[in-house]
PDB file of N, CA and C in Angstrom:
ATOM      1  N   MET A   1     -13.989  59.327 -13.234  1.00  0.00           N
ATOM      2  CA  MET A   1     -14.381  60.130 -14.437  1.00  0.00           C
ATOM      3  C   MET A   1     -15.303  61.186 -13.369  1.00  0.00           C
ATOM      4  N   ILE A   2     -14.822  62.818 -14.518  1.00  0.00           N
ATOM      5  CA  ILE A   2     -15.628  63.998 -14.169  1.00  0.00           C
ATOM      6  C   ILE A   2     -16.225  63.903 -14.605  1.00  0.00           C
ATOM      7  N   SER A   3     -17.998  64.466 -15.029  1.00  0.00           N
ATOM      8  CA  SER A   3     -18.086  64.932 -15.889  1.00  0.00           C
ATOM      9  C   SER A   3     -19.770  66.571 -15.904  1.00  0.00           C
ATOM     10  N   TYR A   4     -18.917  67.220 -16.552  1.00  0.00           N
ATOM     11  CA  TYR A   4     -19.994  68.873 -16.571  1.00  0.00           C
ATOM     12  C   TYR A   4     -21.338  68.735 -17.005  1.00  0.00           C
ATOM     13  N   GLU A   5     -21.699  67.324 -17.481  1.00  0.00           N
ATOM     14  CA  GLU A   5     -23.060  67.402 -18.070  1.00  0.00           C
ATOM     15  C   GLU A   5     -24.193  67.904 -17.747  1.00  0.00           C
ATOM     16  N   PRO A   6     -24.303  67.414 -16.482  1.00  0.00           N
ATOM     17  CA  PRO A   6     -25.041  68.082 -15.881  1.00  0.00           C
ATOM     18  C   PRO A   6     -25.539  69.310 -15.505  1.00  0.00           C
ATOM     19  N   LEU A   7     -24.224  69.926 -15.465  1.00  0.00           N
ATOM     20  CA  LEU A   7     -23.869  71.347 -15.502  1.00  0.00           C
ATOM     21  C   LEU A   7     -24.755  72.072 -17.459  1.00  0.00           C
ATOM     22  N   TRP A   8     -24.240  71.742 -18.498  1.00  0.00           N
ATOM     23  CA  TRP A   8     -24.496  72.028 -19.371  1.00  0.00           C
ATOM     24  C   TRP A   8     -26.355  72.116 -19.733  1.00  0.00           C
ATOM     25  N   ASP A   9     -26.659  70.515 -19.210  1.00  0.00           N
ATOM     26  CA  ASP A   9     -27.955  70.791 -19.300  1.00  0.00           C
ATOM     27  C   ASP A   9     -28.492  71.378 -18.467  1.00  0.00           C
ATOM     28  N   THR A  10     -27.787  72.188 -16.831  1.00  0.00           N
ATOM     29  CA  THR A  10     -28.995  72.995 -16.452  1.00  0.00           C
ATOM     30  C   THR A  10     -28.905  74.572 -16.617  1.00  0.00           C
ATOM     31  N   LEU A  11     -28.392  75.086 -17.654  1.00  0.00           N
ATOM     32  CA  LEU A  11     -27.395  76.145 -18.121  1.00  0.00           C
ATOM     33  C   LEU A  11     -28.249  76.044 -19.051  1.00  0.00           C
ATOM     34  N   GLU A  12     -28.825  74.777 -20.018  1.00  0.00           N
ATOM     35  CA  GLU A  12     -29.936  75.198 -20.770  1.00  0.00           C
ATOM     36  C   GLU A  12     -31.749  74.875 -20.474  1.00  0.00           C
ATOM     37  N   GLU A  13     -31.550  74.681 -19.025  1.00  0.00           N
ATOM     38  CA  GLU A  13     -32.646  74.603 -18.509  1.00  0.00           C
ATOM     39  C   GLU A  13     -33.560  76.078 -18.225  1.00  0.00           C
ATOM     40  N   LYS A  14     -31.959  76.576 -17.844  1.00  0.00           N
ATOM     41  CA  LYS A  14     -32.101  77.509 -16.991  1.00  0.00           C
ATOM     42  C   LYS A  14     -32.282  79.283 -18.487  1.00  0.00           C
ATOM     43  N   GLY A  15     -32.289  79.035 -19.427  1.00  0.00           N
ATOM     44  CA  GLY A  15     -31.386  79.927 -20.593  1.00  0.00           C
ATOM     45  C   GLY A  15     -30.387  80.367 -20.157  1.00  0.00           C
ATOM     46  N   ILE A  16     -29.019  80.278 -19.770  1.00  0.00           N
ATOM     47  CA  ILE A  16     -28.111  80.541 -19.466  1.00  0.00           C
ATOM     48  C   ILE A  16     -26.695  80.381 -20.357  1.00  0.00           C
ATOM     49  N   GLY A  17     -26.512  81.265 -21.112  1.00  0.00           N
ATOM     50  CA  GLY A  17     -25.201  81.097 -21.815  1.00  0.00           C
ATOM     51  C   GLY A  17     -23.671  80.467 -21.236  1.00  0.00           C
ATOM     52  N   LYS A  18     -22.962  80.083 -21.622  1.00  0.00           N
ATOM     53  CA  LYS A  18     -22.152  79.470 -21.707  1.00  0.00           C
ATOM     54  C   LYS A  18     -20.733  80.896 -20.750  1.00  0.00           C
ATOM     55  N   MET A  19     -20.831  81.409 -21.591  1.00  0.00           N
ATOM     56  CA  MET A  19     -20.145  82.729 -21.274  1.00  0.00           C
ATOM     57  C   MET A  19     -20.899  83.671 -20.884  1.00  0.00           C
ATOM     58  N   GLU A  20     -22.391  84.056 -20.688  1.00  0.00           N
ATOM     59  CA  GLU A  20     -22.991  84.562 -19.495  1.00  0.00           C
ATOM     60  C   GLU A  20     -22.570  84.169 -18.034  1.00  0.00           C
ATOM     61  N   LEU A  21     -22.813  82.627 -17.726  1.00  0.00           N
ATOM     62  CA  LEU A  21     -22.433  82.212 -16.539  1.00  0.00           C
ATOM     63  C   LEU A  21     -20.894  82.614 -16.049  1.00  0.00           C
ATOM     64  N   ARG A  22     -19.765  82.241 -17.626  1.00  0.00           N
ATOM     65  CA  ARG A  22     -18.485  82.777 -17.214  1.00  0.00           C
ATOM     66  C   ARG A  22     -18.031  84.491 -16.197  1.00  0.00           C
ATOM     67  N   GLU A  23     -18.927  85.217 -17.353  1.00  0.00           N
ATOM     68  CA  GLU A  23     -18.849  86.815 -16.812  1.00  0.00           C
ATOM     69  C   GLU A  23     -19.391  87.046 -15.919  1.00  0.00           C
ATOM     70  N   LYS A  24     -20.313  86.096 -14.842  1.00  0.00           N
ATOM     71  CA  LYS A  24     -20.946  86.760 -14.327  1.00  0.00           C
ATOM     72  C   LYS A  24     -20.516  86.180 -12.771  1.00  0.00           C
ATOM     73  N   ILE A  25     -19.597  84.842 -12.952  1.00  0.00           N
ATOM     74  CA  ILE A  25     -19.130  84.498 -12.024  1.00  0.00           C
ATOM     75  C   ILE A  25     -17.121  84.861 -11.942  1.00  0.00           C
ATOM     76  N   GLY A  26     -16.898  85.517 -12.851  1.00  0.00           N
ATOM     77  CA  GLY A  26     -15.901  85.693 -13.195  1.00  0.00           C
ATOM     78  C   GLY A  26     -14.072  84.960 -12.817  1.00  0.00           C
ATOM     79  N   LEU A  27     -15.033  83.561 -14.229  1.00  0.00           N
ATOM     80  CA  LEU A  27     -13.848  82.709 -14.409  1.00  0.00           C
ATOM     81  C   LEU A  27     -12.995  83.320 -15.220  1.00  0.00           C
ATOM     82  N   SER A  28     -11.651  82.671 -15.472  1.00  0.00           N
ATOM     83  CA  SER A  28     -10.868  83.250 -16.516  1.00  0.00           C
ATOM     84  C   SER A  28     -11.596  82.281 -17.490  1.00  0.00           C
ATOM     85  N   LYS A  29     -11.009  82.239 -19.275  1.00  0.00           N
ATOM     86  CA  LYS A  29     -11.109  81.366 -20.026  1.00  0.00           C
ATOM     87  C   LYS A  29     -10.304  80.130 -19.841  1.00  0.00           C
ATOM     88  N   ALA A  30      -9.562  80.000 -19.211  1.00  0.00           N
ATOM     89  CA  ALA A  30      -8.363  78.799 -19.020  1.00  0.00           C
ATOM     90  C   ALA A  30      -9.425  77.931 -17.974  1.00  0.00           C
ATOM     91  N   THR A  31      -9.748  78.640 -17.059  1.00  0.00           N
ATOM     92  CA  THR A  31     -10.403  77.698 -15.799  1.00  0.00           C
ATOM     93  C   THR A  31     -11.728  76.738 -16.311  1.00  0.00           C
ATOM     94  N   PHE A  32     -12.349  77.888 -17.119  1.00  0.00           N
ATOM     95  CA  PHE A  32     -13.617  77.926 -18.144  1.00  0.00           C
ATOM     96  C   PHE A  32     -13.515  76.602 -19.733  1.00  0.00           C
ATOM     97  N   ALA A  33     -12.189  76.393 -19.563  1.00  0.00           N
ATOM     98  CA  ALA A  33     -11.975  75.636 -21.050  1.00  0.00           C
ATOM     99  C   ALA A  33     -12.090  73.863 -19.943  1.00  0.00           C
ATOM    100  N   LYS A  34     -11.327  74.124 -18.591  1.00  0.00           N
ATOM    101  CA  LYS A  34     -11.085  73.035 -18.260  1.00  0.00           C
ATOM    102  C   LYS A  34     -12.613  72.076 -18.312  1.00  0.00           C
ATOM    103  N   PHE A  35     -13.584  72.648 -18.209  1.00  0.00           N
ATOM    104  CA  PHE A  35     -14.735  71.959 -18.227  1.00  0.00           C
ATOM    105  C   PHE A  35     -15.534  71.843 -19.637  1.00  0.00           C
ATOM    106  N   ALA A  36     -15.250  71.919 -20.678  1.00  0.00           N
ATOM    107  CA  ALA A  36     -15.231  71.387 -21.894  1.00  0.00           C
ATOM    108  C   ALA A  36     -14.694  70.141 -21.842  1.00  0.00           C
ATOM    109  N   LYS A  37     -13.196  70.649 -21.154  1.00  0.00           N
ATOM    110  CA  LYS A  37     -12.090  69.317 -21.708  1.00  0.00           C
ATOM    111  C   LYS A  37     -12.400  67.940 -20.217  1.00  0.00           C
ATOM    112  N   GLY A  38     -13.554  68.278 -19.906  1.00  0.00           N
ATOM    113  CA  GLY A  38     -13.778  67.644 -18.719  1.00  0.00           C
ATOM    114  C   GLY A  38     -12.923  67.153 -17.092  1.00  0.00           C
ATOM    115  N   GLU A  39     -11.643  68.634 -17.417  1.00  0.00           N
ATOM    116  CA  GLU A  39     -10.770  68.195 -16.278  1.00  0.00           C
ATOM    117  C   GLU A  39     -11.030  68.336 -14.406  1.00  0.00           C
ATOM    118  N   SER A  40     -10.713  68.938 -13.340  1.00  0.00           N
ATOM    119  CA  SER A  40     -10.658  69.098 -12.882  1.00  0.00           C
ATOM    120  C   SER A  40     -10.987  70.912 -12.307  1.00  0.00           C
ATOM    121  N   VAL A  41     -11.497  71.541 -11.254  1.00  0.00           N
ATOM    122  CA  VAL A  41     -11.650  72.423 -11.359  1.00  0.00           C
ATOM    123  C   VAL A  41     -11.605  72.848  -9.591  1.00  0.00           C
ATOM    124  N   THR A  42     -11.787  73.780  -9.058  1.00  0.00           N
ATOM    125  CA  THR A  42     -12.204  73.746  -7.499  1.00  0.00           C
ATOM    126  C   THR A  42     -13.348  73.697  -7.494  1.00  0.00           C
ATOM    127  N   MET A  43     -13.486  73.770  -5.664  1.00  0.00           N
ATOM    128  CA  MET A  43     -14.504  73.651  -5.012  1.00  0.00           C
ATOM    129  C   MET A  43     -15.591  75.047  -5.275  1.00  0.00           C
ATOM    130  N   GLU A  44     -14.063  75.896  -5.046  1.00  0.00           N
ATOM    131  CA  GLU A  44     -14.292  77.192  -5.243  1.00  0.00           C
ATOM    132  C   GLU A  44     -15.264  77.773  -5.920  1.00  0.00           C
ATOM    133  N   THR A  45     -14.822  76.780  -7.435  1.00  0.00           N
ATOM    134  CA  THR A  45     -15.546  77.475  -8.615  1.00  0.00           C
ATOM    135  C   THR A  45     -17.285  76.740  -8.954  1.00  0.00           C
ATOM    136  N   ILE A  46     -16.854  75.528  -8.271  1.00  0.00           N
ATOM    137  CA  ILE A  46     -17.988  74.360  -7.881  1.00  0.00           C
ATOM    138  C   ILE A  46     -18.796  75.470  -7.515  1.00  0.00           C
ATOM    139  N   GLU A  47     -18.508  76.126  -5.898  1.00  0.00           N
ATOM    140  CA  GLU A  47     -19.600  76.554  -5.372  1.00  0.00           C
ATOM    141  C   GLU A  47     -19.758  77.575  -5.313  1.00  0.00           C
ATOM    142  N   LYS A  48     -19.372  78.904  -6.689  1.00  0.00           N
ATOM    143  CA  LYS A  48     -19.694  79.628  -7.196  1.00  0.00           C
ATOM    144  C   LYS A  48     -20.567  79.729  -7.880  1.00  0.00           C
ATOM    145  N   ILE A  49     -20.807  78.680  -9.053  1.00  0.00           N
ATOM    146  CA  ILE A  49     -21.560  78.634 -10.073  1.00  0.00           C
ATOM    147  C   ILE A  49     -22.838  78.416  -9.491  1.00  0.00           C
ATOM    148  N   CYS A  50     -22.857  77.208  -8.124  1.00  0.00           N
ATOM    149  CA  CYS A  50     -24.069  76.641  -7.546  1.00  0.00           C
ATOM    150  C   CYS A  50     -24.658  77.286  -6.855  1.00  0.00           C
ATOM    151  N   MET A  51     -23.661  78.833  -6.216  1.00  0.00           N
ATOM    152  CA  MET A  51     -24.456  79.832  -6.545  1.00  0.00           C
ATOM    153  C   MET A  51     -25.453  81.120  -6.824  1.00  0.00           C
ATOM    154  N   GLU A  52     -24.304  81.111  -7.984  1.00  0.00           N
ATOM    155  CA  GLU A  52     -25.527  82.024  -9.180  1.00  0.00           C
ATOM    156  C   GLU A  52     -26.122  81.067  -9.816  1.00  0.00           C
ATOM    157  N   LEU A  53     -26.225  80.186  -9.797  1.00  0.00           N
ATOM    158  CA  LEU A  53     -27.304  79.185 -10.546  1.00  0.00           C
ATOM    159  C   LEU A  53     -28.362  78.349  -9.446  1.00  0.00           C
ATOM    160  N   ASP A  54     -28.645  78.788  -8.148  1.00  0.00           N
ATOM    161  CA  ASP A  54     -29.432  78.654  -6.889  1.00  0.00           C
ATOM    162  C   ASP A  54     -29.163  76.893  -7.610  1.00  0.00           C
ATOM    163  N   VAL A  55     -28.716  76.253  -7.003  1.00  0.00           N
ATOM    164  CA  VAL A  55     -28.654  74.789  -7.689  1.00  0.00           C
ATOM    165  C   VAL A  55     -27.371  73.910  -6.918  1.00  0.00           C
ATOM    166  N   PRO A  56     -27.941  72.904  -6.490  1.00  0.00           N
ATOM    167  CA  PRO A  56     -26.656  71.819  -5.505  1.00  0.00           C
ATOM    168  C   PRO A  56     -25.745  71.521  -6.726  1.00  0.00           C
ATOM    169  N   VAL A  57     -24.876  70.749  -5.805  1.00  0.00           N
ATOM    170  CA  VAL A  57     -23.476  70.146  -6.635  1.00  0.00           C
ATOM    171  C   VAL A  57     -24.002  69.179  -7.625  1.00  0.00           C
ATOM    172  N   SER A  58     -25.047  68.132  -7.176  1.00  0.00           N
ATOM    173  CA  SER A  58     -25.563  67.744  -8.457  1.00  0.00           C
ATOM    174  C   SER A  58     -25.525  68.253  -9.339  1.00  0.00           C
ATOM    175  N   SER A  59     -26.432  69.665  -9.867  1.00  0.00           N
ATOM    176  CA  SER A  59     -26.622  70.312 -10.976  1.00  0.00           C
ATOM    177  C   SER A  59     -26.040  70.660 -11.573  1.00  0.00           C
ATOM    178  N   VAL A  60     -24.593  70.596 -11.045  1.00  0.00           N
ATOM    179  CA  VAL A  60     -23.160  71.122 -11.712  1.00  0.00           C
ATOM    180  C   VAL A  60     -22.467  70.015 -12.155  1.00  0.00           C
ATOM    181  N   VAL A  61     -21.752  68.791 -11.423  1.00  0.00           N
ATOM    182  CA  VAL A  61     -21.502  67.164 -11.692  1.00  0.00           C
ATOM    183  C   VAL A  61     -21.315  66.506 -11.150  1.00  0.00           C
ATOM    184  N   GLU A  62     -21.174  65.432 -11.771  1.00  0.00           N
ATOM    185  CA  GLU A  62     -21.294  64.269 -11.709  1.00  0.00           C
ATOM    186  C   GLU A  62     -20.385  63.788 -11.802  1.00  0.00           C
ATOM    187  N   VAL A  63     -19.797  62.692 -10.630  1.00  0.00           N
ATOM    188  CA  VAL A  63     -19.293  61.475 -11.042  1.00  0.00           C
ATOM    189  C   VAL A  63     -18.821  59.715 -11.584  1.00  0.00           C
ATOM    190  N   ILE A  64     -18.623  60.017 -12.501  1.00  0.00           N
ATOM    191  CA  ILE A  64     -18.908  58.552 -13.314  1.00  0.00           C
ATOM    192  C   ILE A  64     -17.445  57.025 -12.765  1.00  0.00           C
ATOM    193  N   PRO A  65     -18.103  56.324 -12.519  1.00  0.00           N
ATOM    194  CA  PRO A  65     -17.046  55.247 -11.818  1.00  0.00           C
ATOM    195  C   PRO A  65     -16.570  55.191 -13.203  1.00  0.00           C
ATOM    196  N   ASP A  66     -15.500  54.413 -12.975  1.00  0.00           N
ATOM    197  CA  ASP A  66     -14.442  53.589 -14.086  1.00  0.00           C
ATOM    198  C   ASP A  66     -14.986  52.155 -14.477  1.00  0.00           C
ATOM    199  N   SER A  67     -15.601  51.927 -15.315  1.00  0.00           N
ATOM    200  CA  SER A  67     -15.814  50.519 -15.574  1.00  0.00           C
ATOM    201  C   SER A  67     -14.573  49.453 -15.340  1.00  0.00           C
ATOM    202  N   SER A  68     -13.567  50.563 -15.778  1.00  0.00           N
ATOM    203  CA  SER A  68     -12.615  49.489 -16.049  1.00  0.00           C
ATOM    204  C   SER A  68     -12.053  48.916 -14.282  1.00  0.00           C
ATOM    205  N   LYS A  69     -12.481  48.620 -12.948  1.00  0.00           N
ATOM    206  CA  LYS A  69     -11.989  48.726 -11.707  1.00  0.00           C
ATOM    207  C   LYS A  69     -13.185  47.154 -11.305  1.00  0.00           C
TER     208      LYS A  69
END
């Protein structure tokens, strides 16, 4: 399972709002909605966020193993 909880934590730490980030990197509302739903986004999108926030990928997304396996 993909979690974007690290992104929300990073934004809070840096004092940046979700909409501010979306506008800065030019993400559509639909793409940004995928974050809220925990859906997959492209690595290009993850890269844009990392570059804008000057953070590693681990500050944006984490993979949580499926405990049923």
